[in-house]
């Protein structure tokens, strides 16, 4: 039973990683595509390469997910809870995509595991949730990081306008198109650091519960390589098509504003991933950064704010953690009796 459950957990987690790449990666680079700093194909190669590099750069986020959010009981009960939470996140991600409802797969994964562990403690000893760590490392960063990205992009754009106020517009535009290659690469690396490592953390949780590794163990090398490769596959499968579709809907931005948005996104994701190791949703950081960079264009920015804060979008992001946690909890209550 343990081997089957562990294999199912790994397969489900990798499928979620593939979905991360399919859904999220293109939105981080769409600004570079819309300003013609990068062609869609070049942007796709860039996000694949830098996303894989970011996935292998560190393990701080994976350590947070695996060792700091829950006290998981070893054995079949704890393993079943992690499997149920991961399956619940995958199920809700599929439902939200079918309903065309905005949401974060990253949030769904963490919320699903937390909901499953909490529900499982009612029937068996699956472990407990460390609520202080959840608030400090998940909830508060989820609220503060978008604000930091927005403020950072706005401040950087104000500085750019002042520094280049006497520059020739054509030369400035050309220079920032070149600079976007660097900012886009940073955003892609931050994406890999976040989304691949969340899956690594969940798989490590399952390995600890199954007794394959000891408590407090580091992420095995094969888990890191597999998650990085799966993220690249998902990005390659859906990236080019999604970039083409998103390009027609994005707020029109010039190269300096696109650079400011990508640079703020990069700094926010890289800092959160490497220093405190907090899990974030890259898309929920990238969207406010675009709004912050566009704030110097009041009329267009007002339209972007109305579009970016529509009732459906806000409802989707607010509903995702609750729905994923509930789905994970229900699946855990169904699967636990089957483990005997």
C-alpha atoms as a PDB file:
ATOM      1  CA  UNK A   1       0.000   0.000   0.000  1.00  0.00           C
ATOM      2  CA  UNK A   2       2.797   2.414   0.916  1.00  0.00           C
ATOM      3  CA  UNK A   3       4.616   1.932  -2.379  1.00  0.00           C
ATOM      4  CA  UNK A   4       1.443   2.386  -4.430  1.00  0.00           C
ATOM      5  CA  UNK A   5       0.426   5.526  -2.546  1.00  0.00           C
ATOM      6  CA  UNK A   6       3.914   7.007  -2.878  1.00  0.00           C
ATOM      7  CA  UNK A   7       3.992   6.318  -6.614  1.00  0.00           C
ATOM      8  CA  UNK A   8       0.545   7.904  -7.007  1.00  0.00           C
ATOM      9  CA  UNK A   9       1.684  10.950  -5.034  1.00  0.00           C
ATOM     10  CA  UNK A  10       4.785  11.440  -7.167  1.00  0.00           C
ATOM     11  CA  UNK A  11       2.788  11.063 -10.393  1.00  0.00           C
ATOM     12  CA  UNK A  12       0.128  13.518  -9.222  1.00  0.00           C
ATOM     13  CA  UNK A  13       2.699  16.049  -8.055  1.00  0.00           C
ATOM     14  CA  UNK A  14       4.575  15.871 -11.360  1.00  0.00           C
ATOM     15  CA  UNK A  15       1.331  16.332 -13.267  1.00  0.00           C
ATOM     16  CA  UNK A  16       0.724  19.488 -11.239  1.00  0.00           C
ATOM     17  CA  UNK A  17       4.237  20.673 -12.080  1.00  0.00           C
ATOM     18  CA  UNK A  18       3.501  20.147 -15.762  1.00  0.00           C
ATOM     19  CA  UNK A  19       0.309  22.167 -15.335  1.00  0.00           C
ATOM     20  CA  UNK A  20       2.347  24.935 -13.670  1.00  0.00           C
ATOM     21  CA  UNK A  21       4.447  25.232 -16.786  1.00  0.00           C
ATOM     22  CA  UNK A  22       1.463  25.001 -19.109  1.00  0.00           C
ATOM     23  CA  UNK A  23      -0.544  27.715 -17.395  1.00  0.00           C
ATOM     24  CA  UNK A  24       1.798  30.115 -15.619  1.00  0.00           C
ATOM     25  CA  UNK A  25       5.137  30.532 -17.365  1.00  0.00           C
ATOM     26  CA  UNK A  26       3.998  32.423 -20.497  1.00  0.00           C
ATOM     27  CA  UNK A  27       2.340  35.162 -18.463  1.00  0.00           C
ATOM     28  CA  UNK A  28       5.700  36.134 -16.963  1.00  0.00           C
ATOM     29  CA  UNK A  29       7.227  36.821 -20.388  1.00  0.00           C
ATOM     30  CA  UNK A  30       4.257  38.203 -22.283  1.00  0.00           C
ATOM     31  CA  UNK A  31       5.493  41.775 -21.714  1.00  0.00           C
ATOM     32  CA  UNK A  32       8.713  40.996 -23.607  1.00  0.00           C
ATOM     33  CA  UNK A  33       6.712  39.448 -26.430  1.00  0.00           C
ATOM     34  CA  UNK A  34       4.249  42.337 -26.647  1.00  0.00           C
ATOM     35  CA  UNK A  35       7.065  44.917 -26.918  1.00  0.00           C
ATOM     36  CA  UNK A  36       8.856  42.754 -29.525  1.00  0.00           C
ATOM     37  CA  UNK A  37      11.931  42.534 -27.339  1.00  0.00           C
ATOM     38  CA  UNK A  38      11.708  38.759 -27.759  1.00  0.00           C
ATOM     39  CA  UNK A  39       9.918  36.636 -30.312  1.00  0.00           C
ATOM     40  CA  UNK A  40       7.474  34.078 -28.882  1.00  0.00           C
ATOM     41  CA  UNK A  41       9.818  31.195 -29.721  1.00  0.00           C
ATOM     42  CA  UNK A  42      12.853  32.865 -28.182  1.00  0.00           C
ATOM     43  CA  UNK A  43      10.810  33.743 -25.090  1.00  0.00           C
ATOM     44  CA  UNK A  44       9.668  30.139 -24.818  1.00  0.00           C
ATOM     45  CA  UNK A  45      13.256  28.841 -24.995  1.00  0.00           C
ATOM     46  CA  UNK A  46      14.307  31.433 -22.439  1.00  0.00           C
ATOM     47  CA  UNK A  47      11.630  30.512 -19.915  1.00  0.00           C
ATOM     48  CA  UNK A  48      12.388  26.804 -20.341  1.00  0.00           C
ATOM     49  CA  UNK A  49      16.135  27.205 -19.817  1.00  0.00           C
ATOM     50  CA  UNK A  50      15.982  29.756 -17.001  1.00  0.00           C
ATOM     51  CA  UNK A  51      13.030  28.012 -15.358  1.00  0.00           C
ATOM     52  CA  UNK A  52      15.032  24.790 -15.199  1.00  0.00           C
ATOM     53  CA  UNK A  53      18.038  26.702 -13.852  1.00  0.00           C
ATOM     54  CA  UNK A  54      15.885  28.274 -11.164  1.00  0.00           C
ATOM     55  CA  UNK A  55      14.438  24.913 -10.197  1.00  0.00           C
ATOM     56  CA  UNK A  56      17.952  23.606  -9.545  1.00  0.00           C
ATOM     57  CA  UNK A  57      19.324  26.765  -7.923  1.00  0.00           C
ATOM     58  CA  UNK A  58      18.206  26.117  -4.343  1.00  0.00           C
ATOM     59  CA  UNK A  59      15.820  24.268  -2.060  1.00  0.00           C
ATOM     60  CA  UNK A  60      14.656  26.927   0.410  1.00  0.00           C
ATOM     61  CA  UNK A  61      11.040  26.900  -0.781  1.00  0.00           C
ATOM     62  CA  UNK A  62      10.955  23.094  -0.888  1.00  0.00           C
ATOM     63  CA  UNK A  63      12.296  22.965   2.682  1.00  0.00           C
ATOM     64  CA  UNK A  64       9.554  25.325   3.837  1.00  0.00           C
ATOM     65  CA  UNK A  65       6.817  23.201   2.260  1.00  0.00           C
ATOM     66  CA  UNK A  66       8.252  19.899   3.513  1.00  0.00           C
ATOM     67  CA  UNK A  67       9.429  20.737   7.020  1.00  0.00           C
ATOM     68  CA  UNK A  68       7.832  23.930   8.323  1.00  0.00           C
ATOM     69  CA  UNK A  69       4.123  23.997   7.491  1.00  0.00           C
ATOM     70  CA  UNK A  70       2.933  20.649   8.918  1.00  0.00           C
ATOM     71  CA  UNK A  71       4.051  18.077  11.457  1.00  0.00           C
ATOM     72  CA  UNK A  72       3.301  14.991   9.367  1.00  0.00           C
ATOM     73  CA  UNK A  73       2.887  11.651  11.076  1.00  0.00           C
ATOM     74  CA  UNK A  74       4.986   8.865   9.478  1.00  0.00           C
ATOM     75  CA  UNK A  75       3.118   5.938   8.006  1.00  0.00           C
ATOM     76  CA  UNK A  76       0.209   5.281   5.686  1.00  0.00           C
ATOM     77  CA  UNK A  77      -2.083   7.877   7.274  1.00  0.00           C
ATOM     78  CA  UNK A  78       0.325  10.769   6.753  1.00  0.00           C
ATOM     79  CA  UNK A  79       1.173   9.637   3.229  1.00  0.00           C
ATOM     80  CA  UNK A  80      -2.521   9.341   2.369  1.00  0.00           C
ATOM     81  CA  UNK A  81      -3.129  12.896   3.581  1.00  0.00           C
ATOM     82  CA  UNK A  82      -0.394  14.290   1.336  1.00  0.00           C
ATOM     83  CA  UNK A  83      -1.706  12.277  -1.622  1.00  0.00           C
ATOM     84  CA  UNK A  84      -5.262  13.480  -1.012  1.00  0.00           C
ATOM     85  CA  UNK A  85      -4.146  17.106  -0.738  1.00  0.00           C
ATOM     86  CA  UNK A  86      -2.125  16.935  -3.947  1.00  0.00           C
ATOM     87  CA  UNK A  87      -4.955  15.185  -5.801  1.00  0.00           C
ATOM     88  CA  UNK A  88      -7.402  17.782  -4.482  1.00  0.00           C
ATOM     89  CA  UNK A  89      -5.220  20.591  -5.819  1.00  0.00           C
ATOM     90  CA  UNK A  90      -5.002  18.887  -9.216  1.00  0.00           C
ATOM     91  CA  UNK A  91      -8.748  18.311  -9.311  1.00  0.00           C
ATOM     92  CA  UNK A  92      -9.542  21.921  -8.470  1.00  0.00           C
ATOM     93  CA  UNK A  93      -6.992  23.176 -11.003  1.00  0.00           C
ATOM     94  CA  UNK A  94      -8.792  21.168 -13.669  1.00  0.00           C
ATOM     95  CA  UNK A  95     -12.218  22.428 -12.587  1.00  0.00           C
ATOM     96  CA  UNK A  96     -11.093  26.065 -12.516  1.00  0.00           C
ATOM     97  CA  UNK A  97      -9.553  25.731 -15.955  1.00  0.00           C
ATOM     98  CA  UNK A  98     -12.740  24.155 -17.299  1.00  0.00           C
ATOM     99  CA  UNK A  99     -14.757  27.028 -15.816  1.00  0.00           C
ATOM    100  CA  UNK A 100     -12.166  29.525 -17.151  1.00  0.00           C
ATOM    101  CA  UNK A 101     -11.820  30.881 -13.635  1.00  0.00           C
ATOM    102  CA  UNK A 102      -8.554  32.624 -12.692  1.00  0.00           C
ATOM    103  CA  UNK A 103      -6.646  30.990  -9.871  1.00  0.00           C
ATOM    104  CA  UNK A 104      -3.234  29.956  -8.646  1.00  0.00           C
ATOM    105  CA  UNK A 105      -2.134  26.342  -8.931  1.00  0.00           C
ATOM    106  CA  UNK A 106       0.583  27.126  -6.382  1.00  0.00           C
ATOM    107  CA  UNK A 107      -1.952  28.229  -3.800  1.00  0.00           C
ATOM    108  CA  UNK A 108      -4.119  25.229  -4.581  1.00  0.00           C
ATOM    109  CA  UNK A 109      -1.252  22.800  -3.913  1.00  0.00           C
ATOM    110  CA  UNK A 110      -0.367  24.182  -0.491  1.00  0.00           C
ATOM    111  CA  UNK A 111      -3.979  24.700   0.554  1.00  0.00           C
ATOM    112  CA  UNK A 112      -4.916  21.190  -0.569  1.00  0.00           C
ATOM    113  CA  UNK A 113      -2.197  19.581   1.554  1.00  0.00           C
ATOM    114  CA  UNK A 114      -3.073  21.705   4.589  1.00  0.00           C
ATOM    115  CA  UNK A 115      -6.777  20.914   4.256  1.00  0.00           C
ATOM    116  CA  UNK A 116      -6.110  17.187   3.887  1.00  0.00           C
ATOM    117  CA  UNK A 117      -3.791  17.023   6.920  1.00  0.00           C
ATOM    118  CA  UNK A 118      -6.268  18.969   9.016  1.00  0.00           C
ATOM    119  CA  UNK A 119      -9.231  16.807   7.983  1.00  0.00           C
ATOM    120  CA  UNK A 120      -7.238  13.614   8.351  1.00  0.00           C
ATOM    121  CA  UNK A 121      -6.470  14.400  11.978  1.00  0.00           C
ATOM    122  CA  UNK A 122     -10.183  13.914  12.684  1.00  0.00           C
ATOM    123  CA  UNK A 123     -10.051  10.230  11.681  1.00  0.00           C
ATOM    124  CA  UNK A 124      -6.433   9.224  12.205  1.00  0.00           C
ATOM    125  CA  UNK A 125      -3.066  10.521  13.278  1.00  0.00           C
ATOM    126  CA  UNK A 126      -2.068  12.267  10.056  1.00  0.00           C
ATOM    127  CA  UNK A 127      -0.249  15.055  11.852  1.00  0.00           C
ATOM    128  CA  UNK A 128      -1.019  18.691  12.576  1.00  0.00           C
ATOM    129  CA  UNK A 129      -0.794  22.072  10.875  1.00  0.00           C
ATOM    130  CA  UNK A 130       1.669  24.639  12.186  1.00  0.00           C
ATOM    131  CA  UNK A 131      -0.627  27.630  11.984  1.00  0.00           C
ATOM    132  CA  UNK A 132       1.998  30.148  13.062  1.00  0.00           C
ATOM    133  CA  UNK A 133       4.276  29.074  10.229  1.00  0.00           C
ATOM    134  CA  UNK A 134       1.381  29.025   7.768  1.00  0.00           C
ATOM    135  CA  UNK A 135       0.429  32.597   8.629  1.00  0.00           C
ATOM    136  CA  UNK A 136       4.001  33.864   8.642  1.00  0.00           C
ATOM    137  CA  UNK A 137       5.306  31.984   5.598  1.00  0.00           C
ATOM    138  CA  UNK A 138       2.219  31.615   3.401  1.00  0.00           C
ATOM    139  CA  UNK A 139      -0.641  33.978   4.228  1.00  0.00           C
ATOM    140  CA  UNK A 140       1.288  37.201   4.918  1.00  0.00           C
ATOM    141  CA  UNK A 141       3.680  36.817   1.951  1.00  0.00           C
ATOM    142  CA  UNK A 142       0.700  36.038  -0.274  1.00  0.00           C
ATOM    143  CA  UNK A 143      -0.802  39.412   0.704  1.00  0.00           C
ATOM    144  CA  UNK A 144       2.373  41.503   0.882  1.00  0.00           C
ATOM    145  CA  UNK A 145       4.366  40.249  -2.122  1.00  0.00           C
ATOM    146  CA  UNK A 146       1.935  41.609  -4.767  1.00  0.00           C
ATOM    147  CA  UNK A 147       2.002  45.004  -3.053  1.00  0.00           C
ATOM    148  CA  UNK A 148       5.805  44.930  -2.955  1.00  0.00           C
ATOM    149  CA  UNK A 149       5.961  44.056  -6.665  1.00  0.00           C
ATOM    150  CA  UNK A 150       3.522  46.843  -7.543  1.00  0.00           C
ATOM    151  CA  UNK A 151       5.379  49.448  -5.474  1.00  0.00           C
ATOM    152  CA  UNK A 152       8.766  48.307  -6.770  1.00  0.00           C
ATOM    153  CA  UNK A 153       7.699  48.506 -10.408  1.00  0.00           C
ATOM    154  CA  UNK A 154       6.176  51.965  -9.877  1.00  0.00           C
ATOM    155  CA  UNK A 155       9.299  53.289  -8.129  1.00  0.00           C
ATOM    156  CA  UNK A 156      11.596  51.859 -10.797  1.00  0.00           C
ATOM    157  CA  UNK A 157       9.465  53.361 -13.572  1.00  0.00           C
ATOM    158  CA  UNK A 158       9.519  56.789 -11.899  1.00  0.00           C
ATOM    159  CA  UNK A 159      13.309  56.545 -11.661  1.00  0.00           C
ATOM    160  CA  UNK A 160      13.565  55.548 -15.340  1.00  0.00           C
ATOM    161  CA  UNK A 161      11.398  58.489 -16.426  1.00  0.00           C
ATOM    162  CA  UNK A 162      13.557  60.906 -14.446  1.00  0.00           C
ATOM    163  CA  UNK A 163      16.943  59.487 -15.495  1.00  0.00           C
ATOM    164  CA  UNK A 164      16.068  59.315 -19.202  1.00  0.00           C
ATOM    165  CA  UNK A 165      13.902  62.438 -19.351  1.00  0.00           C
ATOM    166  CA  UNK A 166      16.291  64.076 -21.851  1.00  0.00           C
ATOM    167  CA  UNK A 167      17.059  60.926 -23.811  1.00  0.00           C
ATOM    168  CA  UNK A 168      16.038  60.287 -27.392  1.00  0.00           C
ATOM    169  CA  UNK A 169      12.845  58.200 -27.314  1.00  0.00           C
ATOM    170  CA  UNK A 170      13.911  55.827 -30.086  1.00  0.00           C
ATOM    171  CA  UNK A 171      17.298  55.149 -28.491  1.00  0.00           C
ATOM    172  CA  UNK A 172      15.748  54.680 -25.051  1.00  0.00           C
ATOM    173  CA  UNK A 173      13.160  52.262 -26.420  1.00  0.00           C
ATOM    174  CA  UNK A 174      15.859  50.237 -28.185  1.00  0.00           C
ATOM    175  CA  UNK A 175      18.040  50.110 -25.087  1.00  0.00           C
ATOM    176  CA  UNK A 176      15.253  48.815 -22.888  1.00  0.00           C
ATOM    177  CA  UNK A 177      14.302  46.173 -25.447  1.00  0.00           C
ATOM    178  CA  UNK A 178      17.822  44.795 -25.000  1.00  0.00           C
ATOM    179  CA  UNK A 179      17.577  45.131 -21.203  1.00  0.00           C
ATOM    180  CA  UNK A 180      14.348  43.131 -21.248  1.00  0.00           C
ATOM    181  CA  UNK A 181      16.325  40.009 -22.105  1.00  0.00           C
ATOM    182  CA  UNK A 182      17.907  40.232 -18.649  1.00  0.00           C
ATOM    183  CA  UNK A 183      14.711  41.109 -16.786  1.00  0.00           C
ATOM    184  CA  UNK A 184      12.772  38.360 -18.542  1.00  0.00           C
ATOM    185  CA  UNK A 185      15.469  35.818 -17.692  1.00  0.00           C
ATOM    186  CA  UNK A 186      15.261  36.838 -14.036  1.00  0.00           C
ATOM    187  CA  UNK A 187      11.486  36.466 -14.020  1.00  0.00           C
ATOM    188  CA  UNK A 188      11.783  33.001 -15.569  1.00  0.00           C
ATOM    189  CA  UNK A 189      14.369  31.949 -12.988  1.00  0.00           C
ATOM    190  CA  UNK A 190      12.097  33.137 -10.177  1.00  0.00           C
ATOM    191  CA  UNK A 191       9.279  31.131 -11.717  1.00  0.00           C
ATOM    192  CA  UNK A 192      11.381  27.971 -11.634  1.00  0.00           C
ATOM    193  CA  UNK A 193      12.543  28.622  -8.091  1.00  0.00           C
ATOM    194  CA  UNK A 194       8.970  28.856  -6.905  1.00  0.00           C
ATOM    195  CA  UNK A 195       6.825  26.420  -8.859  1.00  0.00           C
ATOM    196  CA  UNK A 196       9.215  23.484  -9.213  1.00  0.00           C
ATOM    197  CA  UNK A 197      10.285  23.658  -5.584  1.00  0.00           C
ATOM    198  CA  UNK A 198       6.745  23.540  -4.213  1.00  0.00           C
ATOM    199  CA  UNK A 199       6.356  20.172  -5.916  1.00  0.00           C
ATOM    200  CA  UNK A 200       9.745  19.055  -4.588  1.00  0.00           C
ATOM    201  CA  UNK A 201       8.560  19.883  -1.082  1.00  0.00           C
ATOM    202  CA  UNK A 202       5.356  17.886  -1.446  1.00  0.00           C
ATOM    203  CA  UNK A 203       7.225  14.855  -2.817  1.00  0.00           C
ATOM    204  CA  UNK A 204       9.721  15.134   0.059  1.00  0.00           C
ATOM    205  CA  UNK A 205       6.780  15.147   2.475  1.00  0.00           C
ATOM    206  CA  UNK A 206       5.596  11.899   0.953  1.00  0.00           C
ATOM    207  CA  UNK A 207       9.069  10.350   1.131  1.00  0.00           C
ATOM    208  CA  UNK A 208       9.324  11.247   4.828  1.00  0.00           C
ATOM    209  CA  UNK A 209       5.892   9.781   5.565  1.00  0.00           C
ATOM    210  CA  UNK A 210       6.768   6.603   3.659  1.00  0.00           C
ATOM    211  CA  UNK A 211      10.026   6.234   5.579  1.00  0.00           C
ATOM    212  CA  UNK A 212      12.151   6.498   2.441  1.00  0.00           C
ATOM    213  CA  UNK A 213      14.104   9.421   3.937  1.00  0.00           C
ATOM    214  CA  UNK A 214      14.466  10.647   7.474  1.00  0.00           C
ATOM    215  CA  UNK A 215      12.808  13.720   9.043  1.00  0.00           C
ATOM    216  CA  UNK A 216      14.589  16.923   8.070  1.00  0.00           C
ATOM    217  CA  UNK A 217      16.181  15.328   4.995  1.00  0.00           C
ATOM    218  CA  UNK A 218      17.286  17.387   2.012  1.00  0.00           C
ATOM    219  CA  UNK A 219      15.526  17.074  -1.321  1.00  0.00           C
ATOM    220  CA  UNK A 220      17.015  14.078  -3.203  1.00  0.00           C
ATOM    221  CA  UNK A 221      18.804  14.923  -6.431  1.00  0.00           C
ATOM    222  CA  UNK A 222      16.481  12.765  -8.519  1.00  0.00           C
ATOM    223  CA  UNK A 223      13.458  14.682  -7.227  1.00  0.00           C
ATOM    224  CA  UNK A 224      15.062  18.006  -8.157  1.00  0.00           C
ATOM    225  CA  UNK A 225      15.982  16.853 -11.666  1.00  0.00           C
ATOM    226  CA  UNK A 226      12.586  15.249 -12.295  1.00  0.00           C
ATOM    227  CA  UNK A 227      10.630  18.316 -11.175  1.00  0.00           C
ATOM    228  CA  UNK A 228      12.821  20.640 -13.251  1.00  0.00           C
ATOM    229  CA  UNK A 229      12.403  18.467 -16.353  1.00  0.00           C
ATOM    230  CA  UNK A 230       8.643  18.194 -15.870  1.00  0.00           C
ATOM    231  CA  UNK A 231       8.310  21.972 -15.533  1.00  0.00           C
ATOM    232  CA  UNK A 232      10.162  22.412 -18.829  1.00  0.00           C
ATOM    233  CA  UNK A 233       7.915  19.860 -20.546  1.00  0.00           C
ATOM    234  CA  UNK A 234       4.761  21.637 -19.371  1.00  0.00           C
ATOM    235  CA  UNK A 235       6.095  25.003 -20.502  1.00  0.00           C
ATOM    236  CA  UNK A 236       7.053  23.645 -23.910  1.00  0.00           C
ATOM    237  CA  UNK A 237       3.634  22.036 -24.411  1.00  0.00           C
ATOM    238  CA  UNK A 238       1.524  25.089 -23.668  1.00  0.00           C
ATOM    239  CA  UNK A 239       3.800  28.101 -23.651  1.00  0.00           C
ATOM    240  CA  UNK A 240       3.833  29.138 -27.271  1.00  0.00           C
ATOM    241  CA  UNK A 241       0.072  28.881 -27.718  1.00  0.00           C
ATOM    242  CA  UNK A 242      -0.704  30.714 -24.491  1.00  0.00           C
ATOM    243  CA  UNK A 243       1.735  33.524 -25.271  1.00  0.00           C
ATOM    244  CA  UNK A 244       0.060  34.078 -28.608  1.00  0.00           C
ATOM    245  CA  UNK A 245      -3.365  34.265 -26.971  1.00  0.00           C
ATOM    246  CA  UNK A 246      -2.285  36.434 -24.043  1.00  0.00           C
ATOM    247  CA  UNK A 247      -0.405  38.837 -26.288  1.00  0.00           C
ATOM    248  CA  UNK A 248      -3.677  40.084 -27.741  1.00  0.00           C
ATOM    249  CA  UNK A 249      -5.174  40.788 -24.321  1.00  0.00           C
ATOM    250  CA  UNK A 250      -2.304  42.406 -22.440  1.00  0.00           C
ATOM    251  CA  UNK A 251      -2.206  46.100 -21.566  1.00  0.00           C
ATOM    252  CA  UNK A 252      -0.100  47.873 -24.162  1.00  0.00           C
ATOM    253  CA  UNK A 253       3.301  48.598 -22.630  1.00  0.00           C
ATOM    254  CA  UNK A 254       6.476  50.170 -23.972  1.00  0.00           C
ATOM    255  CA  UNK A 255       9.887  48.584 -23.315  1.00  0.00           C
ATOM    256  CA  UNK A 256      10.786  50.725 -20.272  1.00  0.00           C
ATOM    257  CA  UNK A 257       7.540  49.852 -18.496  1.00  0.00           C
ATOM    258  CA  UNK A 258       7.812  46.205 -19.464  1.00  0.00           C
ATOM    259  CA  UNK A 259      11.377  46.170 -18.125  1.00  0.00           C
ATOM    260  CA  UNK A 260      10.267  47.770 -14.855  1.00  0.00           C
ATOM    261  CA  UNK A 261       7.483  45.199 -14.426  1.00  0.00           C
ATOM    262  CA  UNK A 262       9.751  42.213 -15.169  1.00  0.00           C
ATOM    263  CA  UNK A 263      12.567  43.552 -12.998  1.00  0.00           C
ATOM    264  CA  UNK A 264      10.239  44.044 -10.027  1.00  0.00           C
ATOM    265  CA  UNK A 265       8.801  40.561 -10.546  1.00  0.00           C
ATOM    266  CA  UNK A 266      12.297  39.084 -10.694  1.00  0.00           C
ATOM    267  CA  UNK A 267      13.529  40.787  -7.533  1.00  0.00           C
ATOM    268  CA  UNK A 268      10.403  39.856  -5.570  1.00  0.00           C
ATOM    269  CA  UNK A 269      10.479  36.188  -6.599  1.00  0.00           C
ATOM    270  CA  UNK A 270      14.224  35.738  -6.226  1.00  0.00           C
ATOM    271  CA  UNK A 271      14.326  37.389  -2.809  1.00  0.00           C
ATOM    272  CA  UNK A 272      11.362  35.379  -1.510  1.00  0.00           C
ATOM    273  CA  UNK A 273      12.799  32.132  -2.882  1.00  0.00           C
ATOM    274  CA  UNK A 274      16.408  32.466  -1.769  1.00  0.00           C
ATOM    275  CA  UNK A 275      16.273  34.427   1.510  1.00  0.00           C
ATOM    276  CA  UNK A 276      13.197  33.480   3.606  1.00  0.00           C
ATOM    277  CA  UNK A 277      12.152  30.603   1.333  1.00  0.00           C
ATOM    278  CA  UNK A 278       8.465  31.537   1.260  1.00  0.00           C
ATOM    279  CA  UNK A 279       6.166  30.016  -1.383  1.00  0.00           C
ATOM    280  CA  UNK A 280       4.570  32.554  -3.707  1.00  0.00           C
ATOM    281  CA  UNK A 281       2.409  32.471  -6.808  1.00  0.00           C
ATOM    282  CA  UNK A 282       4.501  33.968  -9.663  1.00  0.00           C
ATOM    283  CA  UNK A 283       1.455  35.117 -11.615  1.00  0.00           C
ATOM    284  CA  UNK A 284       0.084  36.968  -8.590  1.00  0.00           C
ATOM    285  CA  UNK A 285       3.388  38.834  -8.394  1.00  0.00           C
ATOM    286  CA  UNK A 286       3.727  39.533 -12.122  1.00  0.00           C
ATOM    287  CA  UNK A 287       0.252  41.046 -12.611  1.00  0.00           C
ATOM    288  CA  UNK A 288       0.602  43.759  -9.895  1.00  0.00           C
ATOM    289  CA  UNK A 289       4.071  44.584 -11.238  1.00  0.00           C
ATOM    290  CA  UNK A 290       2.538  45.336 -14.652  1.00  0.00           C
ATOM    291  CA  UNK A 291      -0.016  47.594 -12.978  1.00  0.00           C
ATOM    292  CA  UNK A 292       2.680  49.368 -10.981  1.00  0.00           C
ATOM    293  CA  UNK A 293       4.814  50.034 -14.048  1.00  0.00           C
ATOM    294  CA  UNK A 294       1.771  51.319 -15.931  1.00  0.00           C
ATOM    295  CA  UNK A 295       0.683  53.652 -13.128  1.00  0.00           C
ATOM    296  CA  UNK A 296       2.462  56.570 -14.800  1.00  0.00           C
ATOM    297  CA  UNK A 297      -0.101  56.343 -17.620  1.00  0.00           C
ATOM    298  CA  UNK A 298      -3.217  57.220 -15.735  1.00  0.00           C
ATOM    299  CA  UNK A 299      -5.936  56.532 -18.294  1.00  0.00           C
ATOM    300  CA  UNK A 300      -4.532  53.243 -19.545  1.00  0.00           C
ATOM    301  CA  UNK A 301      -3.635  52.249 -16.007  1.00  0.00           C
ATOM    302  CA  UNK A 302      -7.204  52.871 -14.843  1.00  0.00           C
ATOM    303  CA  UNK A 303      -8.487  50.535 -17.551  1.00  0.00           C
ATOM    304  CA  UNK A 304      -5.890  47.938 -16.552  1.00  0.00           C
ATOM    305  CA  UNK A 305      -6.900  48.167 -12.903  1.00  0.00           C
ATOM    306  CA  UNK A 306     -10.559  47.623 -13.774  1.00  0.00           C
ATOM    307  CA  UNK A 307      -9.602  44.627 -15.916  1.00  0.00           C
ATOM    308  CA  UNK A 308      -7.117  43.174 -13.433  1.00  0.00           C
ATOM    309  CA  UNK A 309      -9.442  43.540 -10.445  1.00  0.00           C
ATOM    310  CA  UNK A 310     -12.652  42.322 -12.023  1.00  0.00           C
ATOM    311  CA  UNK A 311     -15.085  40.487  -9.799  1.00  0.00           C
ATOM    312  CA  UNK A 312     -14.401  37.162 -11.520  1.00  0.00           C
ATOM    313  CA  UNK A 313     -10.627  37.478 -11.133  1.00  0.00           C
ATOM    314  CA  UNK A 314     -10.802  38.462  -7.475  1.00  0.00           C
ATOM    315  CA  UNK A 315     -13.327  35.729  -6.763  1.00  0.00           C
ATOM    316  CA  UNK A 316     -11.141  33.137  -8.481  1.00  0.00           C
ATOM    317  CA  UNK A 317      -8.046  33.991  -6.466  1.00  0.00           C
ATOM    318  CA  UNK A 318     -10.012  34.153  -3.216  1.00  0.00           C
ATOM    319  CA  UNK A 319     -11.873  30.910  -3.885  1.00  0.00           C
ATOM    320  CA  UNK A 320      -8.862  28.828  -4.949  1.00  0.00           C
ATOM    321  CA  UNK A 321      -7.308  28.187  -1.491  1.00  0.00           C
ATOM    322  CA  UNK A 322     -10.686  27.463   0.097  1.00  0.00           C
ATOM    323  CA  UNK A 323     -11.859  25.165  -2.698  1.00  0.00           C
ATOM    324  CA  UNK A 324      -8.555  23.280  -2.910  1.00  0.00           C
ATOM    325  CA  UNK A 325      -8.400  22.848   0.867  1.00  0.00           C
ATOM    326  CA  UNK A 326     -11.978  21.582   0.919  1.00  0.00           C
ATOM    327  CA  UNK A 327     -11.376  19.194  -1.971  1.00  0.00           C
ATOM    328  CA  UNK A 328      -8.232  17.835  -0.333  1.00  0.00           C
ATOM    329  CA  UNK A 329     -10.073  17.386   2.955  1.00  0.00           C
ATOM    330  CA  UNK A 330     -12.920  15.462   1.350  1.00  0.00           C
ATOM    331  CA  UNK A 331     -10.551  13.188  -0.573  1.00  0.00           C
ATOM    332  CA  UNK A 332      -8.583  12.518   2.598  1.00  0.00           C
ATOM    333  CA  UNK A 333     -11.724  11.533   4.497  1.00  0.00           C
ATOM    334  CA  UNK A 334     -12.612   9.171   1.640  1.00  0.00           C
ATOM    335  CA  UNK A 335      -9.165   7.612   1.255  1.00  0.00           C
ATOM    336  CA  UNK A 336      -8.197   7.199   4.894  1.00  0.00           C
ATOM    337  CA  UNK A 337     -10.706   4.394   5.655  1.00  0.00           C
ATOM    338  CA  UNK A 338      -9.426   2.531   2.593  1.00  0.00           C
ATOM    339  CA  UNK A 339      -5.901   2.442   4.046  1.00  0.00           C
ATOM    340  CA  UNK A 340      -7.232   0.390   6.906  1.00  0.00           C
END
